[in-house]
Amino acid sequence: MSNVGIVIVSHSPKIAEGAADMVRQMVGDAVPLAWTGGDVDGGLGTNVAGILEAIETAWSPAGVAILVDLGGAETNSEMAVEMLSEDRRARVLVCNAPVVEGAVIAATESSGGSSLAAVKRSAEEFYA
């Protein structure tokens, strides 16, 4: 059985990488993990191609949970999800949770073998 993958999307590549580093320190390699940050020119922002690549890197048959920092990251993540095949699209969810705390909680939940819905719920409970 595979664990849910985690994708971290931030406008800042340093924040995305740092959040991913925290996740790795908490759960090791038990969870497929990828991050993306910055626009195509290396500035602040997000880009759909980078998000698609991160989804592919963190892909798991159990699904992928995406954690985002700001509205543009959420919009671009949703656009990326819409570009996936129908089968994969159904197994990728964008979480409404703080990017760092949500990613750590989601990864911890995933490392225990929880479903995609449970991983999303756990990350979002922190925000509520």
N, C-alpha and C. Protein backbone atom coordinates (compact mmCIF):
# COMPACT_ATOMS: atom_id res chain seq x y z
N MET A 1 0.84 -1.19 0.00
CA MET A 1 0.00 0.00 0.00
C MET A 1 0.88 1.24 0.00
N SER A 2 0.51 2.22 -0.79
CA SER A 2 1.31 3.44 -0.88
C SER A 2 0.69 4.56 -0.05
N ASN A 3 1.52 5.50 0.34
CA ASN A 3 1.06 6.65 1.10
C ASN A 3 0.75 7.82 0.18
N VAL A 4 -0.16 8.66 0.61
CA VAL A 4 -0.54 9.87 -0.12
C VAL A 4 0.69 10.76 -0.31
N GLY A 5 0.87 11.28 -1.52
CA GLY A 5 1.95 12.21 -1.79
C GLY A 5 1.59 13.61 -1.35
N ILE A 6 2.62 14.39 -1.06
CA ILE A 6 2.43 15.77 -0.62
C ILE A 6 3.18 16.69 -1.58
N VAL A 7 2.49 17.74 -2.05
CA VAL A 7 3.11 18.77 -2.88
C VAL A 7 2.98 20.10 -2.15
N ILE A 8 4.09 20.83 -2.06
CA ILE A 8 4.10 22.14 -1.42
C ILE A 8 4.31 23.18 -2.52
N VAL A 9 3.38 24.16 -2.59
CA VAL A 9 3.44 25.22 -3.60
C VAL A 9 3.50 26.56 -2.88
N SER A 10 4.58 27.30 -3.12
CA SER A 10 4.73 28.62 -2.52
C SER A 10 5.18 29.62 -3.57
N HIS A 11 4.89 30.88 -3.32
CA HIS A 11 5.38 31.93 -4.19
C HIS A 11 6.90 32.07 -4.07
N SER A 12 7.44 31.61 -2.97
CA SER A 12 8.88 31.68 -2.72
C SER A 12 9.49 30.29 -2.78
N PRO A 13 10.48 30.08 -3.64
CA PRO A 13 11.13 28.77 -3.67
C PRO A 13 11.78 28.42 -2.34
N LYS A 14 12.28 29.42 -1.62
CA LYS A 14 12.92 29.15 -0.32
C LYS A 14 11.91 28.66 0.70
N ILE A 15 10.72 29.24 0.71
CA ILE A 15 9.69 28.78 1.64
C ILE A 15 9.26 27.36 1.29
N ALA A 16 9.04 27.10 0.01
CA ALA A 16 8.62 25.76 -0.41
C ALA A 16 9.67 24.72 -0.05
N GLU A 17 10.93 25.03 -0.34
CA GLU A 17 12.00 24.08 -0.02
C GLU A 17 12.14 23.89 1.49
N GLY A 18 12.02 24.97 2.25
CA GLY A 18 12.12 24.88 3.71
C GLY A 18 11.00 24.06 4.31
N ALA A 19 9.78 24.25 3.81
CA ALA A 19 8.65 23.45 4.30
C ALA A 19 8.86 21.98 3.97
N ALA A 20 9.36 21.70 2.77
CA ALA A 20 9.63 20.32 2.37
C ALA A 20 10.71 19.72 3.25
N ASP A 21 11.72 20.50 3.60
CA ASP A 21 12.78 20.02 4.49
C ASP A 21 12.20 19.66 5.86
N MET A 22 11.29 20.47 6.38
CA MET A 22 10.65 20.15 7.66
C MET A 22 9.87 18.85 7.57
N VAL A 23 9.14 18.67 6.46
CA VAL A 23 8.38 17.43 6.28
C VAL A 23 9.33 16.23 6.27
N ARG A 24 10.41 16.33 5.52
CA ARG A 24 11.38 15.22 5.43
C ARG A 24 11.95 14.88 6.81
N GLN A 25 12.23 15.91 7.61
CA GLN A 25 12.78 15.67 8.94
C GLN A 25 11.76 14.99 9.85
N MET A 26 10.47 15.23 9.60
CA MET A 26 9.42 14.65 10.44
C MET A 26 9.07 13.22 10.03
N VAL A 27 9.00 12.96 8.72
CA VAL A 27 8.51 11.64 8.26
C VAL A 27 9.51 10.88 7.41
N GLY A 28 10.68 11.42 7.18
CA GLY A 28 11.67 10.73 6.37
C GLY A 28 11.18 10.51 4.95
N ASP A 29 11.47 9.34 4.42
CA ASP A 29 11.08 9.03 3.05
C ASP A 29 9.78 8.23 2.96
N ALA A 30 9.01 8.23 4.04
CA ALA A 30 7.77 7.44 4.08
C ALA A 30 6.68 8.00 3.17
N VAL A 31 6.82 9.25 2.77
CA VAL A 31 5.78 9.94 2.00
C VAL A 31 6.40 10.53 0.73
N PRO A 32 5.78 10.29 -0.43
CA PRO A 32 6.26 10.96 -1.65
C PRO A 32 6.08 12.47 -1.48
N LEU A 33 7.12 13.23 -1.79
CA LEU A 33 7.11 14.67 -1.50
C LEU A 33 7.76 15.44 -2.64
N ALA A 34 7.17 16.58 -2.97
CA ALA A 34 7.76 17.49 -3.94
C ALA A 34 7.37 18.91 -3.58
N TRP A 35 8.16 19.85 -4.04
CA TRP A 35 7.86 21.26 -3.81
C TRP A 35 8.15 22.06 -5.07
N THR A 36 7.49 23.19 -5.16
CA THR A 36 7.74 24.11 -6.26
C THR A 36 7.46 25.52 -5.77
N GLY A 37 8.24 26.46 -6.25
CA GLY A 37 8.03 27.84 -5.85
C GLY A 37 8.70 28.78 -6.84
N GLY A 38 8.14 29.95 -6.95
CA GLY A 38 8.68 30.95 -7.86
C GLY A 38 8.06 30.87 -9.24
N ASP A 39 8.19 31.97 -9.97
CA ASP A 39 7.67 31.99 -11.34
C ASP A 39 8.74 31.46 -12.30
N VAL A 40 8.42 31.40 -13.56
CA VAL A 40 9.34 30.82 -14.55
C VAL A 40 10.63 31.63 -14.71
N ASP A 41 10.62 32.88 -14.30
CA ASP A 41 11.80 33.73 -14.40
C ASP A 41 12.62 33.74 -13.11
N GLY A 42 12.19 32.97 -12.12
CA GLY A 42 12.93 32.90 -10.87
C GLY A 42 12.50 33.90 -9.82
N GLY A 43 11.48 34.70 -10.12
CA GLY A 43 10.98 35.66 -9.15
C GLY A 43 9.89 35.06 -8.29
N LEU A 44 9.28 35.89 -7.47
CA LEU A 44 8.18 35.42 -6.65
C LEU A 44 6.97 35.11 -7.53
N GLY A 45 6.28 34.05 -7.22
CA GLY A 45 5.10 33.65 -7.97
C GLY A 45 5.02 32.14 -8.04
N THR A 46 4.09 31.66 -8.82
CA THR A 46 3.94 30.21 -9.03
C THR A 46 3.68 29.99 -10.51
N ASN A 47 3.88 28.76 -10.96
CA ASN A 47 3.60 28.48 -12.36
C ASN A 47 3.03 27.08 -12.51
N VAL A 48 2.09 26.95 -13.40
CA VAL A 48 1.36 25.70 -13.60
C VAL A 48 2.30 24.57 -13.98
N ALA A 49 3.27 24.83 -14.86
CA ALA A 49 4.19 23.77 -15.30
C ALA A 49 4.98 23.21 -14.11
N GLY A 50 5.43 24.07 -13.24
CA GLY A 50 6.16 23.62 -12.05
C GLY A 50 5.29 22.79 -11.13
N ILE A 51 4.03 23.18 -11.02
CA ILE A 51 3.09 22.45 -10.16
C ILE A 51 2.81 21.07 -10.76
N LEU A 52 2.62 21.01 -12.08
CA LEU A 52 2.41 19.72 -12.74
C LEU A 52 3.61 18.79 -12.54
N GLU A 53 4.80 19.34 -12.64
CA GLU A 53 6.02 18.55 -12.43
C GLU A 53 6.08 18.04 -10.98
N ALA A 54 5.71 18.89 -10.03
CA ALA A 54 5.73 18.48 -8.62
C ALA A 54 4.69 17.39 -8.36
N ILE A 55 3.51 17.50 -8.96
CA ILE A 55 2.49 16.46 -8.81
C ILE A 55 3.03 15.14 -9.34
N GLU A 56 3.68 15.18 -10.49
CA GLU A 56 4.25 13.96 -11.08
C GLU A 56 5.32 13.35 -10.16
N THR A 57 6.15 14.19 -9.58
CA THR A 57 7.22 13.73 -8.69
C THR A 57 6.66 13.08 -7.44
N ALA A 58 5.60 13.66 -6.89
CA ALA A 58 5.02 13.15 -5.63
C ALA A 58 3.89 12.16 -5.88
N TRP A 59 3.67 11.79 -7.15
CA TRP A 59 2.53 10.94 -7.48
C TRP A 59 2.53 9.64 -6.68
N SER A 60 1.34 9.27 -6.24
CA SER A 60 1.12 8.02 -5.54
C SER A 60 -0.26 7.49 -5.96
N PRO A 61 -0.40 6.19 -6.08
CA PRO A 61 -1.74 5.65 -6.36
C PRO A 61 -2.76 6.03 -5.29
N ALA A 62 -2.27 6.37 -4.10
CA ALA A 62 -3.16 6.81 -3.01
C ALA A 62 -3.62 8.25 -3.19
N GLY A 63 -2.97 8.98 -4.11
CA GLY A 63 -3.35 10.35 -4.38
C GLY A 63 -2.29 11.33 -3.94
N VAL A 64 -2.58 12.61 -4.15
CA VAL A 64 -1.67 13.70 -3.81
C VAL A 64 -2.46 14.82 -3.15
N ALA A 65 -1.93 15.33 -2.04
CA ALA A 65 -2.49 16.50 -1.37
C ALA A 65 -1.56 17.68 -1.65
N ILE A 66 -2.14 18.79 -2.08
CA ILE A 66 -1.35 19.99 -2.39
C ILE A 66 -1.60 21.03 -1.31
N LEU A 67 -0.50 21.57 -0.77
CA LEU A 67 -0.56 22.65 0.21
C LEU A 67 -0.04 23.92 -0.44
N VAL A 68 -0.76 25.02 -0.30
CA VAL A 68 -0.42 26.27 -0.98
C VAL A 68 -0.30 27.41 0.01
N ASP A 69 0.45 28.47 -0.38
CA ASP A 69 0.62 29.58 0.54
C ASP A 69 -0.35 30.74 0.33
N LEU A 70 -0.62 31.13 -0.89
CA LEU A 70 -1.47 32.30 -1.15
C LEU A 70 -2.43 32.00 -2.30
N GLY A 71 -3.35 32.92 -2.54
CA GLY A 71 -4.39 32.72 -3.54
C GLY A 71 -3.91 32.33 -4.92
N GLY A 72 -2.84 32.96 -5.41
CA GLY A 72 -2.33 32.63 -6.74
C GLY A 72 -1.82 31.20 -6.81
N ALA A 73 -1.23 30.73 -5.74
CA ALA A 73 -0.75 29.35 -5.69
C ALA A 73 -1.93 28.38 -5.74
N GLU A 74 -3.00 28.75 -5.08
CA GLU A 74 -4.20 27.91 -5.11
C GLU A 74 -4.81 27.89 -6.50
N THR A 75 -4.94 29.05 -7.12
CA THR A 75 -5.50 29.14 -8.47
C THR A 75 -4.68 28.34 -9.46
N ASN A 76 -3.36 28.50 -9.43
CA ASN A 76 -2.50 27.76 -10.36
C ASN A 76 -2.51 26.26 -10.06
N SER A 77 -2.62 25.89 -8.80
CA SER A 77 -2.71 24.47 -8.45
C SER A 77 -4.00 23.87 -8.99
N GLU A 78 -5.10 24.59 -8.86
CA GLU A 78 -6.37 24.11 -9.39
C GLU A 78 -6.31 23.99 -10.91
N MET A 79 -5.63 24.93 -11.57
CA MET A 79 -5.47 24.85 -13.03
C MET A 79 -4.65 23.61 -13.39
N ALA A 80 -3.59 23.35 -12.64
CA ALA A 80 -2.76 22.18 -12.89
C ALA A 80 -3.56 20.89 -12.72
N VAL A 81 -4.36 20.83 -11.69
CA VAL A 81 -5.19 19.64 -11.44
C VAL A 81 -6.14 19.42 -12.61
N GLU A 82 -6.73 20.49 -13.12
CA GLU A 82 -7.65 20.38 -14.25
C GLU A 82 -6.97 19.86 -15.52
N MET A 83 -5.66 20.03 -15.60
CA MET A 83 -4.92 19.58 -16.78
C MET A 83 -4.54 18.09 -16.70
N LEU A 84 -4.73 17.47 -15.55
CA LEU A 84 -4.41 16.05 -15.38
C LEU A 84 -5.44 15.18 -16.06
N SER A 85 -5.08 13.94 -16.32
CA SER A 85 -6.06 12.99 -16.85
C SER A 85 -7.19 12.84 -15.84
N GLU A 86 -8.34 12.44 -16.30
CA GLU A 86 -9.51 12.33 -15.42
C GLU A 86 -9.23 11.40 -14.24
N ASP A 87 -8.55 10.29 -14.50
CA ASP A 87 -8.23 9.34 -13.44
C ASP A 87 -7.36 9.98 -12.36
N ARG A 88 -6.34 10.70 -12.77
CA ARG A 88 -5.46 11.34 -11.79
C ARG A 88 -6.13 12.53 -11.13
N ARG A 89 -6.88 13.29 -11.89
CA ARG A 89 -7.55 14.47 -11.37
C ARG A 89 -8.40 14.13 -10.14
N ALA A 90 -9.02 12.97 -10.17
CA ALA A 90 -9.88 12.54 -9.06
C ALA A 90 -9.09 12.20 -7.80
N ARG A 91 -7.76 12.09 -7.94
CA ARG A 91 -6.93 11.70 -6.79
C ARG A 91 -5.95 12.79 -6.37
N VAL A 92 -6.27 14.04 -6.71
CA VAL A 92 -5.45 15.17 -6.29
C VAL A 92 -6.35 16.22 -5.67
N LEU A 93 -6.02 16.64 -4.45
CA LEU A 93 -6.82 17.62 -3.73
C LEU A 93 -5.96 18.78 -3.26
N VAL A 94 -6.49 20.00 -3.37
CA VAL A 94 -5.83 21.18 -2.83
C VAL A 94 -6.40 21.41 -1.43
N CYS A 95 -5.52 21.50 -0.45
CA CYS A 95 -5.93 21.67 0.95
C CYS A 95 -6.00 23.15 1.31
N ASN A 96 -7.00 23.50 2.08
CA ASN A 96 -7.14 24.85 2.61
C ASN A 96 -6.54 24.85 4.02
N ALA A 97 -5.20 24.98 4.06
CA ALA A 97 -4.48 24.87 5.33
C ALA A 97 -3.21 25.70 5.24
N PRO A 98 -2.65 26.10 6.38
CA PRO A 98 -1.36 26.80 6.35
C PRO A 98 -0.31 25.91 5.70
N VAL A 99 0.52 26.49 4.85
CA VAL A 99 1.42 25.67 4.04
C VAL A 99 2.42 24.87 4.89
N VAL A 100 3.05 25.47 5.87
CA VAL A 100 4.07 24.74 6.63
C VAL A 100 3.42 23.76 7.60
N GLU A 101 2.56 24.27 8.47
CA GLU A 101 1.92 23.40 9.45
C GLU A 101 1.06 22.35 8.77
N GLY A 102 0.33 22.77 7.74
CA GLY A 102 -0.53 21.83 7.02
C GLY A 102 0.26 20.73 6.35
N ALA A 103 1.41 21.08 5.77
CA ALA A 103 2.24 20.07 5.11
C ALA A 103 2.78 19.06 6.10
N VAL A 104 3.22 19.53 7.25
CA VAL A 104 3.75 18.61 8.28
C VAL A 104 2.64 17.70 8.79
N ILE A 105 1.48 18.26 9.06
CA ILE A 105 0.36 17.45 9.57
C ILE A 105 -0.11 16.47 8.50
N ALA A 106 -0.24 16.95 7.26
CA ALA A 106 -0.68 16.08 6.17
C ALA A 106 0.30 14.93 5.96
N ALA A 107 1.59 15.23 5.98
CA ALA A 107 2.59 14.19 5.78
C ALA A 107 2.60 13.19 6.93
N THR A 108 2.42 13.68 8.13
CA THR A 108 2.37 12.78 9.29
C THR A 108 1.18 11.84 9.17
N GLU A 109 0.04 12.39 8.78
CA GLU A 109 -1.17 11.57 8.58
C GLU A 109 -0.95 10.56 7.46
N SER A 110 -0.35 11.02 6.37
CA SER A 110 -0.08 10.14 5.24
C SER A 110 0.87 9.00 5.62
N SER A 111 1.88 9.31 6.41
CA SER A 111 2.87 8.31 6.78
C SER A 111 2.26 7.16 7.57
N GLY A 112 1.09 7.40 8.16
CA GLY A 112 0.38 6.35 8.89
C GLY A 112 -0.54 5.54 7.99
N GLY A 113 -0.53 5.84 6.68
CA GLY A 113 -1.34 5.07 5.75
C GLY A 113 -2.76 5.57 5.57
N SER A 114 -3.04 6.78 6.02
CA SER A 114 -4.40 7.32 5.91
C SER A 114 -4.77 7.61 4.46
N SER A 115 -6.06 7.68 4.20
CA SER A 115 -6.58 7.98 2.87
C SER A 115 -6.35 9.44 2.52
N LEU A 116 -6.50 9.76 1.24
CA LEU A 116 -6.37 11.14 0.78
C LEU A 116 -7.36 12.06 1.50
N ALA A 117 -8.60 11.62 1.66
CA ALA A 117 -9.60 12.44 2.35
C ALA A 117 -9.19 12.70 3.79
N ALA A 118 -8.64 11.69 4.46
CA ALA A 118 -8.21 11.85 5.85
C ALA A 118 -7.01 12.79 5.95
N VAL A 119 -6.10 12.70 4.99
CA VAL A 119 -4.92 13.57 4.97
C VAL A 119 -5.38 15.02 4.80
N LYS A 120 -6.28 15.26 3.87
CA LYS A 120 -6.81 16.62 3.63
C LYS A 120 -7.54 17.13 4.88
N ARG A 121 -8.38 16.30 5.46
CA ARG A 121 -9.14 16.68 6.65
C ARG A 121 -8.21 17.06 7.80
N SER A 122 -7.17 16.28 8.02
CA SER A 122 -6.22 16.55 9.10
C SER A 122 -5.51 17.88 8.90
N ALA A 123 -5.07 18.14 7.69
CA ALA A 123 -4.39 19.40 7.40
C ALA A 123 -5.34 20.58 7.61
N GLU A 124 -6.58 20.44 7.17
CA GLU A 124 -7.53 21.54 7.25
C GLU A 124 -8.07 21.74 8.66
N GLU A 125 -8.07 20.71 9.49
CA GLU A 125 -8.53 20.87 10.88
C GLU A 125 -7.64 21.85 11.63
N PHE A 126 -6.37 21.88 11.28
CA PHE A 126 -5.44 22.80 11.93
C PHE A 126 -5.86 24.24 11.66
N TYR A 127 -6.40 24.48 10.49
CA TYR A 127 -6.77 25.82 10.04
C TYR A 127 -8.09 26.29 10.66
N ALA A 128 -8.96 25.35 10.98
CA ALA A 128 -10.31 25.69 11.46
C ALA A 128 -10.31 26.38 12.80
